mmCIF file of all heavy atoms, coordinates in Angstrom:
data_MODEL
# 
_entry.id   MODEL 
# 
loop_
_atom_site.group_PDB 
_atom_site.id 
_atom_site.type_symbol 
_atom_site.label_atom_id 
_atom_site.label_alt_id 
_atom_site.label_comp_id 
_atom_site.label_asym_id 
_atom_site.label_entity_id 
_atom_site.label_seq_id 
_atom_site.pdbx_PDB_ins_code 
_atom_site.Cartn_x 
_atom_site.Cartn_y 
_atom_site.Cartn_z 
_atom_site.occupancy 
_atom_site.B_iso_or_equiv 
_atom_site.pdbx_formal_charge 
_atom_site.auth_seq_id 
_atom_site.auth_comp_id 
_atom_site.auth_asym_id 
_atom_site.auth_atom_id 
_atom_site.pdbx_PDB_model_num 
ATOM 1   N N   . GLY A 1 1  ? 40.304 61.018 53.395 1.00 0.00 ? 1  GLY A N   1 
ATOM 2   C CA  . GLY A 1 1  ? 40.825 61.242 52.057 1.00 0.00 ? 1  GLY A CA  1 
ATOM 3   C C   . GLY A 1 1  ? 40.723 60.086 51.103 1.00 0.00 ? 1  GLY A C   1 
ATOM 4   O O   . GLY A 1 1  ? 41.221 60.170 49.970 1.00 0.00 ? 1  GLY A O   1 
ATOM 5   N N   . MET A 1 2  ? 40.087 58.981 51.510 1.00 0.00 ? 2  MET A N   1 
ATOM 6   C CA  . MET A 1 2  ? 39.971 57.845 50.608 1.00 0.00 ? 2  MET A CA  1 
ATOM 7   C C   . MET A 1 2  ? 38.812 58.059 49.628 1.00 0.00 ? 2  MET A C   1 
ATOM 8   O O   . MET A 1 2  ? 37.749 58.564 49.996 1.00 0.00 ? 2  MET A O   1 
ATOM 9   C CB  . MET A 1 2  ? 39.750 56.540 51.387 1.00 0.00 ? 2  MET A CB  1 
ATOM 10  C CG  . MET A 1 2  ? 39.542 55.322 50.487 1.00 0.00 ? 2  MET A CG  1 
ATOM 11  S SD  . MET A 1 2  ? 39.416 53.769 51.409 1.00 0.00 ? 2  MET A SD  1 
ATOM 12  C CE  . MET A 1 2  ? 41.163 53.400 51.642 1.00 0.00 ? 2  MET A CE  1 
ATOM 13  N N   . ILE A 1 3  ? 39.016 57.628 48.391 1.00 0.00 ? 3  ILE A N   1 
ATOM 14  C CA  . ILE A 1 3  ? 37.984 57.708 47.368 1.00 0.00 ? 3  ILE A CA  1 
ATOM 15  C C   . ILE A 1 3  ? 37.205 56.398 47.353 1.00 0.00 ? 3  ILE A C   1 
ATOM 16  O O   . ILE A 1 3  ? 37.780 55.321 47.153 1.00 0.00 ? 3  ILE A O   1 
ATOM 17  C CB  . ILE A 1 3  ? 38.602 57.967 45.979 1.00 0.00 ? 3  ILE A CB  1 
ATOM 18  C CG1 . ILE A 1 3  ? 39.382 59.287 45.975 1.00 0.00 ? 3  ILE A CG1 1 
ATOM 19  C CG2 . ILE A 1 3  ? 37.520 57.972 44.902 1.00 0.00 ? 3  ILE A CG2 1 
ATOM 20  C CD1 . ILE A 1 3  ? 40.271 59.455 44.754 1.00 0.00 ? 3  ILE A CD1 1 
ATOM 21  N N   . VAL A 1 4  ? 35.901 56.485 47.600 1.00 0.00 ? 4  VAL A N   1 
ATOM 22  C CA  . VAL A 1 4  ? 35.034 55.308 47.576 1.00 0.00 ? 4  VAL A CA  1 
ATOM 23  C C   . VAL A 1 4  ? 34.038 55.514 46.439 1.00 0.00 ? 4  VAL A C   1 
ATOM 24  O O   . VAL A 1 4  ? 33.032 56.209 46.593 1.00 0.00 ? 4  VAL A O   1 
ATOM 25  C CB  . VAL A 1 4  ? 34.301 55.103 48.916 1.00 0.00 ? 4  VAL A CB  1 
ATOM 26  C CG1 . VAL A 1 4  ? 33.493 53.809 48.890 1.00 0.00 ? 4  VAL A CG1 1 
ATOM 27  C CG2 . VAL A 1 4  ? 35.297 55.080 50.083 1.00 0.00 ? 4  VAL A CG2 1 
ATOM 28  N N   . LYS A 1 5  ? 34.311 54.921 45.297 1.00 0.00 ? 5  LYS A N   1 
ATOM 29  C CA  . LYS A 1 5  ? 33.499 55.173 44.093 1.00 0.00 ? 5  LYS A CA  1 
ATOM 30  C C   . LYS A 1 5  ? 32.135 54.480 44.149 1.00 0.00 ? 5  LYS A C   1 
ATOM 31  O O   . LYS A 1 5  ? 31.133 55.029 43.706 1.00 0.00 ? 5  LYS A O   1 
ATOM 32  C CB  . LYS A 1 5  ? 34.269 54.721 42.851 1.00 0.00 ? 5  LYS A CB  1 
ATOM 33  C CG  . LYS A 1 5  ? 35.503 55.567 42.550 1.00 0.00 ? 5  LYS A CG  1 
ATOM 34  C CD  . LYS A 1 5  ? 36.199 55.071 41.287 1.00 0.00 ? 5  LYS A CD  1 
ATOM 35  C CE  . LYS A 1 5  ? 37.386 55.951 40.935 1.00 0.00 ? 5  LYS A CE  1 
ATOM 36  N NZ  . LYS A 1 5  ? 38.104 55.468 39.728 1.00 0.00 ? 5  LYS A NZ  1 
ATOM 37  N N   . ASP A 1 6  ? 32.116 53.264 44.669 1.00 0.00 ? 6  ASP A N   1 
ATOM 38  C CA  . ASP A 1 6  ? 30.872 52.483 44.704 1.00 0.00 ? 6  ASP A CA  1 
ATOM 39  C C   . ASP A 1 6  ? 30.572 52.137 46.161 1.00 0.00 ? 6  ASP A C   1 
ATOM 40  O O   . ASP A 1 6  ? 31.076 51.146 46.693 1.00 0.00 ? 6  ASP A O   1 
ATOM 41  C CB  . ASP A 1 6  ? 31.037 51.217 43.857 1.00 0.00 ? 6  ASP A CB  1 
ATOM 42  C CG  . ASP A 1 6  ? 29.744 50.425 43.700 1.00 0.00 ? 6  ASP A CG  1 
ATOM 43  O OD1 . ASP A 1 6  ? 28.832 50.601 44.523 1.00 0.00 ? 6  ASP A OD1 1 
ATOM 44  O OD2 . ASP A 1 6  ? 29.667 49.622 42.749 1.00 0.00 ? 6  ASP A OD2 1 
ATOM 45  N N   . LYS A 1 7  ? 29.735 52.943 46.792 1.00 0.00 ? 7  LYS A N   1 
ATOM 46  C CA  . LYS A 1 7  ? 29.470 52.762 48.221 1.00 0.00 ? 7  LYS A CA  1 
ATOM 47  C C   . LYS A 1 7  ? 28.717 51.466 48.506 1.00 0.00 ? 7  LYS A C   1 
ATOM 48  O O   . LYS A 1 7  ? 28.961 50.803 49.524 1.00 0.00 ? 7  LYS A O   1 
ATOM 49  C CB  . LYS A 1 7  ? 28.712 53.964 48.777 1.00 0.00 ? 7  LYS A CB  1 
ATOM 50  C CG  . LYS A 1 7  ? 29.566 55.223 48.894 1.00 0.00 ? 7  LYS A CG  1 
ATOM 51  C CD  . LYS A 1 7  ? 28.799 56.333 49.590 1.00 0.00 ? 7  LYS A CD  1 
ATOM 52  C CE  . LYS A 1 7  ? 29.687 57.547 49.836 1.00 0.00 ? 7  LYS A CE  1 
ATOM 53  N NZ  . LYS A 1 7  ? 30.277 58.101 48.600 1.00 0.00 ? 7  LYS A NZ  1 
ATOM 54  N N   . ALA A 1 8  ? 27.826 51.079 47.610 1.00 0.00 ? 8  ALA A N   1 
ATOM 55  C CA  . ALA A 1 8  ? 27.087 49.838 47.821 1.00 0.00 ? 8  ALA A CA  1 
ATOM 56  C C   . ALA A 1 8  ? 28.036 48.636 47.813 1.00 0.00 ? 8  ALA A C   1 
ATOM 57  O O   . ALA A 1 8  ? 27.924 47.729 48.645 1.00 0.00 ? 8  ALA A O   1 
ATOM 58  C CB  . ALA A 1 8  ? 26.013 49.678 46.745 1.00 0.00 ? 8  ALA A CB  1 
ATOM 59  N N   . LYS A 1 9  ? 28.981 48.637 46.868 1.00 0.00 ? 9  LYS A N   1 
ATOM 60  C CA  . LYS A 1 9  ? 29.961 47.543 46.807 1.00 0.00 ? 9  LYS A CA  1 
ATOM 61  C C   . LYS A 1 9  ? 30.886 47.597 48.015 1.00 0.00 ? 9  LYS A C   1 
ATOM 62  O O   . LYS A 1 9  ? 31.252 46.549 48.567 1.00 0.00 ? 9  LYS A O   1 
ATOM 63  C CB  . LYS A 1 9  ? 30.776 47.665 45.514 1.00 0.00 ? 9  LYS A CB  1 
ATOM 64  C CG  . LYS A 1 9  ? 31.735 46.496 45.283 1.00 0.00 ? 9  LYS A CG  1 
ATOM 65  C CD  . LYS A 1 9  ? 30.988 45.186 45.118 1.00 0.00 ? 9  LYS A CD  1 
ATOM 66  C CE  . LYS A 1 9  ? 31.938 44.036 44.808 1.00 0.00 ? 9  LYS A CE  1 
ATOM 67  N NZ  . LYS A 1 9  ? 31.222 42.736 44.709 1.00 0.00 ? 9  LYS A NZ  1 
ATOM 68  N N   . ALA A 1 10 ? 31.259 48.798 48.447 1.00 0.00 ? 10 ALA A N   1 
ATOM 69  C CA  . ALA A 1 10 ? 32.117 48.940 49.622 1.00 0.00 ? 10 ALA A CA  1 
ATOM 70  C C   . ALA A 1 10 ? 31.429 48.389 50.869 1.00 0.00 ? 10 ALA A C   1 
ATOM 71  O O   . ALA A 1 10 ? 32.057 47.734 51.709 1.00 0.00 ? 10 ALA A O   1 
ATOM 72  C CB  . ALA A 1 10 ? 32.494 50.402 49.824 1.00 0.00 ? 10 ALA A CB  1 
ATOM 73  N N   . GLU A 1 11 ? 30.120 48.638 50.985 1.00 0.00 ? 11 GLU A N   1 
ATOM 74  C CA  . GLU A 1 11 ? 29.357 48.102 52.117 1.00 0.00 ? 11 GLU A CA  1 
ATOM 75  C C   . GLU A 1 11 ? 29.374 46.570 52.096 1.00 0.00 ? 11 GLU A C   1 
ATOM 76  O O   . GLU A 1 11 ? 29.542 45.918 53.125 1.00 0.00 ? 11 GLU A O   1 
ATOM 77  C CB  . GLU A 1 11 ? 27.916 48.617 52.073 1.00 0.00 ? 11 GLU A CB  1 
ATOM 78  C CG  . GLU A 1 11 ? 27.770 50.089 52.437 1.00 0.00 ? 11 GLU A CG  1 
ATOM 79  C CD  . GLU A 1 11 ? 26.318 50.528 52.447 1.00 0.00 ? 11 GLU A CD  1 
ATOM 80  O OE1 . GLU A 1 11 ? 25.425 49.645 52.402 1.00 0.00 ? 11 GLU A OE1 1 
ATOM 81  O OE2 . GLU A 1 11 ? 26.064 51.753 52.503 1.00 0.00 ? 11 GLU A OE2 1 
ATOM 82  N N   . GLU A 1 12 ? 29.196 46.005 50.909 1.00 0.00 ? 12 GLU A N   1 
ATOM 83  C CA  . GLU A 1 12 ? 29.220 44.542 50.759 1.00 0.00 ? 12 GLU A CA  1 
ATOM 84  C C   . GLU A 1 12 ? 30.566 43.974 51.174 1.00 0.00 ? 12 GLU A C   1 
ATOM 85  O O   . GLU A 1 12 ? 30.640 42.957 51.886 1.00 0.00 ? 12 GLU A O   1 
ATOM 86  C CB  . GLU A 1 12 ? 28.917 44.197 49.300 1.00 0.00 ? 12 GLU A CB  1 
ATOM 87  C CG  . GLU A 1 12 ? 28.971 42.716 48.981 1.00 0.00 ? 12 GLU A CG  1 
ATOM 88  C CD  . GLU A 1 12 ? 28.834 42.452 47.496 1.00 0.00 ? 12 GLU A CD  1 
ATOM 89  O OE1 . GLU A 1 12 ? 27.975 43.069 46.848 1.00 0.00 ? 12 GLU A OE1 1 
ATOM 90  O OE2 . GLU A 1 12 ? 29.615 41.622 46.975 1.00 0.00 ? 12 GLU A OE2 1 
ATOM 91  N N   . ILE A 1 13 ? 31.641 44.615 50.739 1.00 0.00 ? 13 ILE A N   1 
ATOM 92  C CA  . ILE A 1 13 ? 32.991 44.126 51.045 1.00 0.00 ? 13 ILE A CA  1 
ATOM 93  C C   . ILE A 1 13 ? 33.310 44.260 52.532 1.00 0.00 ? 13 ILE A C   1 
ATOM 94  O O   . ILE A 1 13 ? 33.863 43.338 53.146 1.00 0.00 ? 13 ILE A O   1 
ATOM 95  C CB  . ILE A 1 13 ? 34.025 44.882 50.183 1.00 0.00 ? 13 ILE A CB  1 
ATOM 96  C CG1 . ILE A 1 13 ? 33.882 44.453 48.720 1.00 0.00 ? 13 ILE A CG1 1 
ATOM 97  C CG2 . ILE A 1 13 ? 35.450 44.624 50.674 1.00 0.00 ? 13 ILE A CG2 1 
ATOM 98  C CD1 . ILE A 1 13 ? 34.637 45.322 47.737 1.00 0.00 ? 13 ILE A CD1 1 
ATOM 99  N N   . LEU A 1 14 ? 32.952 45.386 53.126 1.00 0.00 ? 14 LEU A N   1 
ATOM 100 C CA  . LEU A 1 14 ? 33.204 45.578 54.554 1.00 0.00 ? 14 LEU A CA  1 
ATOM 101 C C   . LEU A 1 14 ? 32.386 44.599 55.392 1.00 0.00 ? 14 LEU A C   1 
ATOM 102 O O   . LEU A 1 14 ? 32.835 44.146 56.449 1.00 0.00 ? 14 LEU A O   1 
ATOM 103 C CB  . LEU A 1 14 ? 32.907 47.019 54.955 1.00 0.00 ? 14 LEU A CB  1 
ATOM 104 C CG  . LEU A 1 14 ? 33.940 48.048 54.481 1.00 0.00 ? 14 LEU A CG  1 
ATOM 105 C CD1 . LEU A 1 14 ? 33.402 49.465 54.659 1.00 0.00 ? 14 LEU A CD1 1 
ATOM 106 C CD2 . LEU A 1 14 ? 35.257 47.889 55.230 1.00 0.00 ? 14 LEU A CD2 1 
ATOM 107 N N   . SER A 1 15 ? 31.190 44.258 54.923 1.00 0.00 ? 15 SER A N   1 
ATOM 108 C CA  . SER A 1 15 ? 30.373 43.267 55.627 1.00 0.00 ? 15 SER A CA  1 
ATOM 109 C C   . SER A 1 15 ? 30.991 41.876 55.541 1.00 0.00 ? 15 SER A C   1 
ATOM 110 O O   . SER A 1 15 ? 30.833 41.056 56.440 1.00 0.00 ? 15 SER A O   1 
ATOM 111 C CB  . SER A 1 15 ? 28.965 43.220 55.017 1.00 0.00 ? 15 SER A CB  1 
ATOM 112 O OG  . SER A 1 15 ? 28.292 44.436 55.199 1.00 0.00 ? 15 SER A OG  1 
ATOM 113 N N   . ASP A 1 16 ? 31.711 41.635 54.459 1.00 0.00 ? 16 ASP A N   1 
ATOM 114 C CA  . ASP A 1 16 ? 32.317 40.323 54.222 1.00 0.00 ? 16 ASP A CA  1 
ATOM 115 C C   . ASP A 1 16 ? 33.685 40.204 54.890 1.00 0.00 ? 16 ASP A C   1 
ATOM 116 O O   . ASP A 1 16 ? 33.945 39.265 55.660 1.00 0.00 ? 16 ASP A O   1 
ATOM 117 C CB  . ASP A 1 16 ? 32.448 40.112 52.714 1.00 0.00 ? 16 ASP A CB  1 
ATOM 118 C CG  . ASP A 1 16 ? 33.138 38.806 52.356 1.00 0.00 ? 16 ASP A CG  1 
ATOM 119 O OD1 . ASP A 1 16 ? 32.987 37.831 53.107 1.00 0.00 ? 16 ASP A OD1 1 
ATOM 120 O OD2 . ASP A 1 16 ? 33.836 38.768 51.325 1.00 0.00 ? 16 ASP A OD2 1 
ATOM 121 N N   . ILE A 1 17 ? 34.568 41.151 54.634 1.00 0.00 ? 17 ILE A N   1 
ATOM 122 C CA  . ILE A 1 17 ? 35.955 41.074 55.097 1.00 0.00 ? 17 ILE A CA  1 
ATOM 123 C C   . ILE A 1 17 ? 36.135 41.706 56.473 1.00 0.00 ? 17 ILE A C   1 
ATOM 124 O O   . ILE A 1 17 ? 36.864 41.187 57.317 1.00 0.00 ? 17 ILE A O   1 
ATOM 125 C CB  . ILE A 1 17 ? 36.897 41.744 54.075 1.00 0.00 ? 17 ILE A CB  1 
ATOM 126 C CG1 . ILE A 1 17 ? 36.786 41.036 52.716 1.00 0.00 ? 17 ILE A CG1 1 
ATOM 127 C CG2 . ILE A 1 17 ? 38.344 41.725 54.567 1.00 0.00 ? 17 ILE A CG2 1 
ATOM 128 C CD1 . ILE A 1 17 ? 37.517 41.734 51.590 1.00 0.00 ? 17 ILE A CD1 1 
ATOM 129 N N   . GLY A 1 18 ? 35.495 42.830 56.686 1.00 0.00 ? 18 GLY A N   1 
ATOM 130 C CA  . GLY A 1 18 ? 35.621 43.527 57.971 1.00 0.00 ? 18 GLY A CA  1 
ATOM 131 C C   . GLY A 1 18 ? 36.567 44.717 57.879 1.00 0.00 ? 18 GLY A C   1 
ATOM 132 O O   . GLY A 1 18 ? 37.581 44.681 57.187 1.00 0.00 ? 18 GLY A O   1 
ATOM 133 N N   . TYR A 1 19 ? 36.216 45.761 58.582 1.00 0.00 ? 19 TYR A N   1 
ATOM 134 C CA  . TYR A 1 19 ? 36.978 47.014 58.565 1.00 0.00 ? 19 TYR A CA  1 
ATOM 135 C C   . TYR A 1 19 ? 38.401 46.809 59.094 1.00 0.00 ? 19 TYR A C   1 
ATOM 136 O O   . TYR A 1 19 ? 39.368 47.275 58.508 1.00 0.00 ? 19 TYR A O   1 
ATOM 137 C CB  . TYR A 1 19 ? 36.230 48.044 59.417 1.00 0.00 ? 19 TYR A CB  1 
ATOM 138 C CG  . TYR A 1 19 ? 36.838 49.429 59.449 1.00 0.00 ? 19 TYR A CG  1 
ATOM 139 C CD1 . TYR A 1 19 ? 36.456 50.402 58.524 1.00 0.00 ? 19 TYR A CD1 1 
ATOM 140 C CD2 . TYR A 1 19 ? 37.770 49.794 60.428 1.00 0.00 ? 19 TYR A CD2 1 
ATOM 141 C CE1 . TYR A 1 19 ? 36.984 51.686 58.549 1.00 0.00 ? 19 TYR A CE1 1 
ATOM 142 C CE2 . TYR A 1 19 ? 38.314 51.063 60.467 1.00 0.00 ? 19 TYR A CE2 1 
ATOM 143 C CZ  . TYR A 1 19 ? 37.920 52.005 59.535 1.00 0.00 ? 19 TYR A CZ  1 
ATOM 144 O OH  . TYR A 1 19 ? 38.458 53.266 59.577 1.00 0.00 ? 19 TYR A OH  1 
ATOM 145 N N   . TYR A 1 20 ? 38.531 46.106 60.205 1.00 0.00 ? 20 TYR A N   1 
ATOM 146 C CA  . TYR A 1 20 ? 39.845 45.941 60.828 1.00 0.00 ? 20 TYR A CA  1 
ATOM 147 C C   . TYR A 1 20 ? 40.795 45.158 59.926 1.00 0.00 ? 20 TYR A C   1 
ATOM 148 O O   . TYR A 1 20 ? 41.930 45.564 59.692 1.00 0.00 ? 20 TYR A O   1 
ATOM 149 C CB  . TYR A 1 20 ? 39.718 45.249 62.180 1.00 0.00 ? 20 TYR A CB  1 
ATOM 150 C CG  . TYR A 1 20 ? 41.034 45.055 62.887 1.00 0.00 ? 20 TYR A CG  1 
ATOM 151 C CD1 . TYR A 1 20 ? 41.666 46.110 63.537 1.00 0.00 ? 20 TYR A CD1 1 
ATOM 152 C CD2 . TYR A 1 20 ? 41.666 43.808 62.888 1.00 0.00 ? 20 TYR A CD2 1 
ATOM 153 C CE1 . TYR A 1 20 ? 42.889 45.936 64.180 1.00 0.00 ? 20 TYR A CE1 1 
ATOM 154 C CE2 . TYR A 1 20 ? 42.891 43.630 63.518 1.00 0.00 ? 20 TYR A CE2 1 
ATOM 155 C CZ  . TYR A 1 20 ? 43.492 44.695 64.155 1.00 0.00 ? 20 TYR A CZ  1 
ATOM 156 O OH  . TYR A 1 20 ? 44.697 44.515 64.783 1.00 0.00 ? 20 TYR A OH  1 
ATOM 157 N N   . ARG A 1 21 ? 40.331 44.011 59.408 1.00 0.00 ? 21 ARG A N   1 
ATOM 158 C CA  . ARG A 1 21 ? 41.196 43.180 58.551 1.00 0.00 ? 21 ARG A CA  1 
ATOM 159 C C   . ARG A 1 21 ? 41.586 43.924 57.274 1.00 0.00 ? 21 ARG A C   1 
ATOM 160 O O   . ARG A 1 21 ? 42.744 43.903 56.860 1.00 0.00 ? 21 ARG A O   1 
ATOM 161 C CB  . ARG A 1 21 ? 40.496 41.869 58.194 1.00 0.00 ? 21 ARG A CB  1 
ATOM 162 C CG  . ARG A 1 21 ? 41.313 40.943 57.299 1.00 0.00 ? 21 ARG A CG  1 
ATOM 163 C CD  . ARG A 1 21 ? 40.554 39.682 56.972 1.00 0.00 ? 21 ARG A CD  1 
ATOM 164 N NE  . ARG A 1 21 ? 40.448 38.820 58.140 1.00 0.00 ? 21 ARG A NE  1 
ATOM 165 C CZ  . ARG A 1 21 ? 41.321 37.854 58.443 1.00 0.00 ? 21 ARG A CZ  1 
ATOM 166 N NH1 . ARG A 1 21 ? 42.365 37.639 57.664 1.00 0.00 ? 21 ARG A NH1 1 
ATOM 167 N NH2 . ARG A 1 21 ? 41.155 37.111 59.506 1.00 0.00 ? 21 ARG A NH2 1 
ATOM 168 N N   . LEU A 1 22 ? 40.629 44.594 56.662 1.00 0.00 ? 22 LEU A N   1 
ATOM 169 C CA  . LEU A 1 22 ? 40.929 45.308 55.427 1.00 0.00 ? 22 LEU A CA  1 
ATOM 170 C C   . LEU A 1 22 ? 41.866 46.486 55.680 1.00 0.00 ? 22 LEU A C   1 
ATOM 171 O O   . LEU A 1 22 ? 42.589 46.923 54.777 1.00 0.00 ? 22 LEU A O   1 
ATOM 172 C CB  . LEU A 1 22 ? 39.633 45.791 54.771 1.00 0.00 ? 22 LEU A CB  1 
ATOM 173 C CG  . LEU A 1 22 ? 39.691 46.149 53.286 1.00 0.00 ? 22 LEU A CG  1 
ATOM 174 C CD1 . LEU A 1 22 ? 40.239 44.996 52.459 1.00 0.00 ? 22 LEU A CD1 1 
ATOM 175 C CD2 . LEU A 1 22 ? 38.314 46.558 52.777 1.00 0.00 ? 22 LEU A CD2 1 
ATOM 176 N N   . GLY A 1 23 ? 41.885 46.962 56.923 1.00 0.00 ? 23 GLY A N   1 
ATOM 177 C CA  . GLY A 1 23 ? 42.767 48.075 57.279 1.00 0.00 ? 23 GLY A CA  1 
ATOM 178 C C   . GLY A 1 23 ? 44.237 47.794 57.051 1.00 0.00 ? 23 GLY A C   1 
ATOM 179 O O   . GLY A 1 23 ? 45.027 48.707 56.792 1.00 0.00 ? 23 GLY A O   1 
ATOM 180 N N   . PHE A 1 24 ? 44.629 46.518 57.115 1.00 0.00 ? 24 PHE A N   1 
ATOM 181 C CA  . PHE A 1 24 ? 46.021 46.166 56.854 1.00 0.00 ? 24 PHE A CA  1 
ATOM 182 C C   . PHE A 1 24 ? 46.384 46.424 55.387 1.00 0.00 ? 24 PHE A C   1 
ATOM 183 O O   . PHE A 1 24 ? 47.555 46.584 55.053 1.00 0.00 ? 24 PHE A O   1 
ATOM 184 C CB  . PHE A 1 24 ? 46.280 44.695 57.188 1.00 0.00 ? 24 PHE A CB  1 
ATOM 185 C CG  . PHE A 1 24 ? 46.212 44.393 58.655 1.00 0.00 ? 24 PHE A CG  1 
ATOM 186 C CD1 . PHE A 1 24 ? 45.120 43.715 59.187 1.00 0.00 ? 24 PHE A CD1 1 
ATOM 187 C CD2 . PHE A 1 24 ? 47.217 44.795 59.510 1.00 0.00 ? 24 PHE A CD2 1 
ATOM 188 C CE1 . PHE A 1 24 ? 45.050 43.436 60.541 1.00 0.00 ? 24 PHE A CE1 1 
ATOM 189 C CE2 . PHE A 1 24 ? 47.159 44.527 60.875 1.00 0.00 ? 24 PHE A CE2 1 
ATOM 190 C CZ  . PHE A 1 24 ? 46.064 43.839 61.391 1.00 0.00 ? 24 PHE A CZ  1 
ATOM 191 N N   . TYR A 1 25 ? 45.371 46.455 54.538 1.00 0.00 ? 25 TYR A N   1 
ATOM 192 C CA  . TYR A 1 25 ? 45.597 46.587 53.103 1.00 0.00 ? 25 TYR A CA  1 
ATOM 193 C C   . TYR A 1 25 ? 45.405 48.005 52.587 1.00 0.00 ? 25 TYR A C   1 
ATOM 194 O O   . TYR A 1 25 ? 45.844 48.314 51.475 1.00 0.00 ? 25 TYR A O   1 
ATOM 195 C CB  . TYR A 1 25 ? 44.707 45.586 52.355 1.00 0.00 ? 25 TYR A CB  1 
ATOM 196 C CG  . TYR A 1 25 ? 45.023 44.176 52.777 1.00 0.00 ? 25 TYR A CG  1 
ATOM 197 C CD1 . TYR A 1 25 ? 44.273 43.549 53.764 1.00 0.00 ? 25 TYR A CD1 1 
ATOM 198 C CD2 . TYR A 1 25 ? 46.117 43.509 52.254 1.00 0.00 ? 25 TYR A CD2 1 
ATOM 199 C CE1 . TYR A 1 25 ? 44.593 42.263 54.194 1.00 0.00 ? 25 TYR A CE1 1 
ATOM 200 C CE2 . TYR A 1 25 ? 46.451 42.227 52.681 1.00 0.00 ? 25 TYR A CE2 1 
ATOM 201 C CZ  . TYR A 1 25 ? 45.687 41.617 53.657 1.00 0.00 ? 25 TYR A CZ  1 
ATOM 202 O OH  . TYR A 1 25 ? 46.030 40.362 54.093 1.00 0.00 ? 25 TYR A OH  1 
ATOM 203 N N   . TRP A 1 26 ? 44.766 48.865 53.367 1.00 0.00 ? 26 TRP A N   1 
ATOM 204 C CA  . TRP A 1 26 ? 44.768 50.272 52.957 1.00 0.00 ? 26 TRP A CA  1 
ATOM 205 C C   . TRP A 1 26 ? 45.844 51.064 53.680 1.00 0.00 ? 26 TRP A C   1 
ATOM 206 O O   . TRP A 1 26 ? 46.108 52.201 53.361 1.00 0.00 ? 26 TRP A O   1 
ATOM 207 C CB  . TRP A 1 26 ? 43.402 50.930 53.108 1.00 0.00 ? 26 TRP A CB  1 
ATOM 208 C CG  . TRP A 1 26 ? 42.799 51.041 54.472 1.00 0.00 ? 26 TRP A CG  1 
ATOM 209 C CD1 . TRP A 1 26 ? 43.328 51.642 55.580 1.00 0.00 ? 26 TRP A CD1 1 
ATOM 210 C CD2 . TRP A 1 26 ? 41.502 50.570 54.864 1.00 0.00 ? 26 TRP A CD2 1 
ATOM 211 N NE1 . TRP A 1 26 ? 42.467 51.571 56.632 1.00 0.00 ? 26 TRP A NE1 1 
ATOM 212 C CE2 . TRP A 1 26 ? 41.320 50.925 56.217 1.00 0.00 ? 26 TRP A CE2 1 
ATOM 213 C CE3 . TRP A 1 26 ? 40.476 49.915 54.207 1.00 0.00 ? 26 TRP A CE3 1 
ATOM 214 C CZ2 . TRP A 1 26 ? 40.169 50.619 56.928 1.00 0.00 ? 26 TRP A CZ2 1 
ATOM 215 C CZ3 . TRP A 1 26 ? 39.327 49.617 54.925 1.00 0.00 ? 26 TRP A CZ3 1 
ATOM 216 C CH2 . TRP A 1 26 ? 39.181 49.967 56.256 1.00 0.00 ? 26 TRP A CH2 1 
ATOM 217 N N   . ALA A 1 27 ? 46.527 50.422 54.626 1.00 0.00 ? 27 ALA A N   1 
ATOM 218 C CA  . ALA A 1 27 ? 47.621 51.096 55.325 1.00 0.00 ? 27 ALA A CA  1 
ATOM 219 C C   . ALA A 1 27 ? 48.681 51.658 54.378 1.00 0.00 ? 27 ALA A C   1 
ATOM 220 O O   . ALA A 1 27 ? 49.144 52.791 54.566 1.00 0.00 ? 27 ALA A O   1 
ATOM 221 C CB  . ALA A 1 27 ? 48.256 50.159 56.346 1.00 0.00 ? 27 ALA A CB  1 
ATOM 222 N N   . PRO A 1 28 ? 49.111 50.912 53.315 1.00 0.00 ? 28 PRO A N   1 
ATOM 223 C CA  . PRO A 1 28 ? 50.131 51.463 52.414 1.00 0.00 ? 28 PRO A CA  1 
ATOM 224 C C   . PRO A 1 28 ? 49.665 52.702 51.655 1.00 0.00 ? 28 PRO A C   1 
ATOM 225 O O   . PRO A 1 28 ? 50.492 53.405 51.060 1.00 0.00 ? 28 PRO A O   1 
ATOM 226 C CB  . PRO A 1 28 ? 50.398 50.311 51.433 1.00 0.00 ? 28 PRO A CB  1 
ATOM 227 C CG  . PRO A 1 28 ? 49.970 49.093 52.148 1.00 0.00 ? 28 PRO A CG  1 
ATOM 228 C CD  . PRO A 1 28 ? 48.806 49.511 52.987 1.00 0.00 ? 28 PRO A CD  1 
ATOM 229 N N   . LEU A 1 29 ? 48.376 52.964 51.673 1.00 0.00 ? 29 LEU A N   1 
ATOM 230 C CA  . LEU A 1 29 ? 47.841 54.136 50.985 1.00 0.00 ? 29 LEU A CA  1 
ATOM 231 C C   . LEU A 1 29 ? 47.846 55.375 51.879 1.00 0.00 ? 29 LEU A C   1 
ATOM 232 O O   . LEU A 1 29 ? 47.516 56.469 51.427 1.00 0.00 ? 29 LEU A O   1 
ATOM 233 C CB  . LEU A 1 29 ? 46.402 53.861 50.521 1.00 0.00 ? 29 LEU A CB  1 
ATOM 234 C CG  . LEU A 1 29 ? 46.185 52.602 49.669 1.00 0.00 ? 29 LEU A CG  1 
ATOM 235 C CD1 . LEU A 1 29 ? 44.704 52.417 49.362 1.00 0.00 ? 29 LEU A CD1 1 
ATOM 236 C CD2 . LEU A 1 29 ? 46.991 52.691 48.380 1.00 0.00 ? 29 LEU A CD2 1 
# 
């Protein structure tokens, strides 16, 4: 159910930060 408007930018961010670490920040959503 998450909205990902810019997939290319999302790929860049996930490559940089990582799925697991960023997961702590989408948890409140």
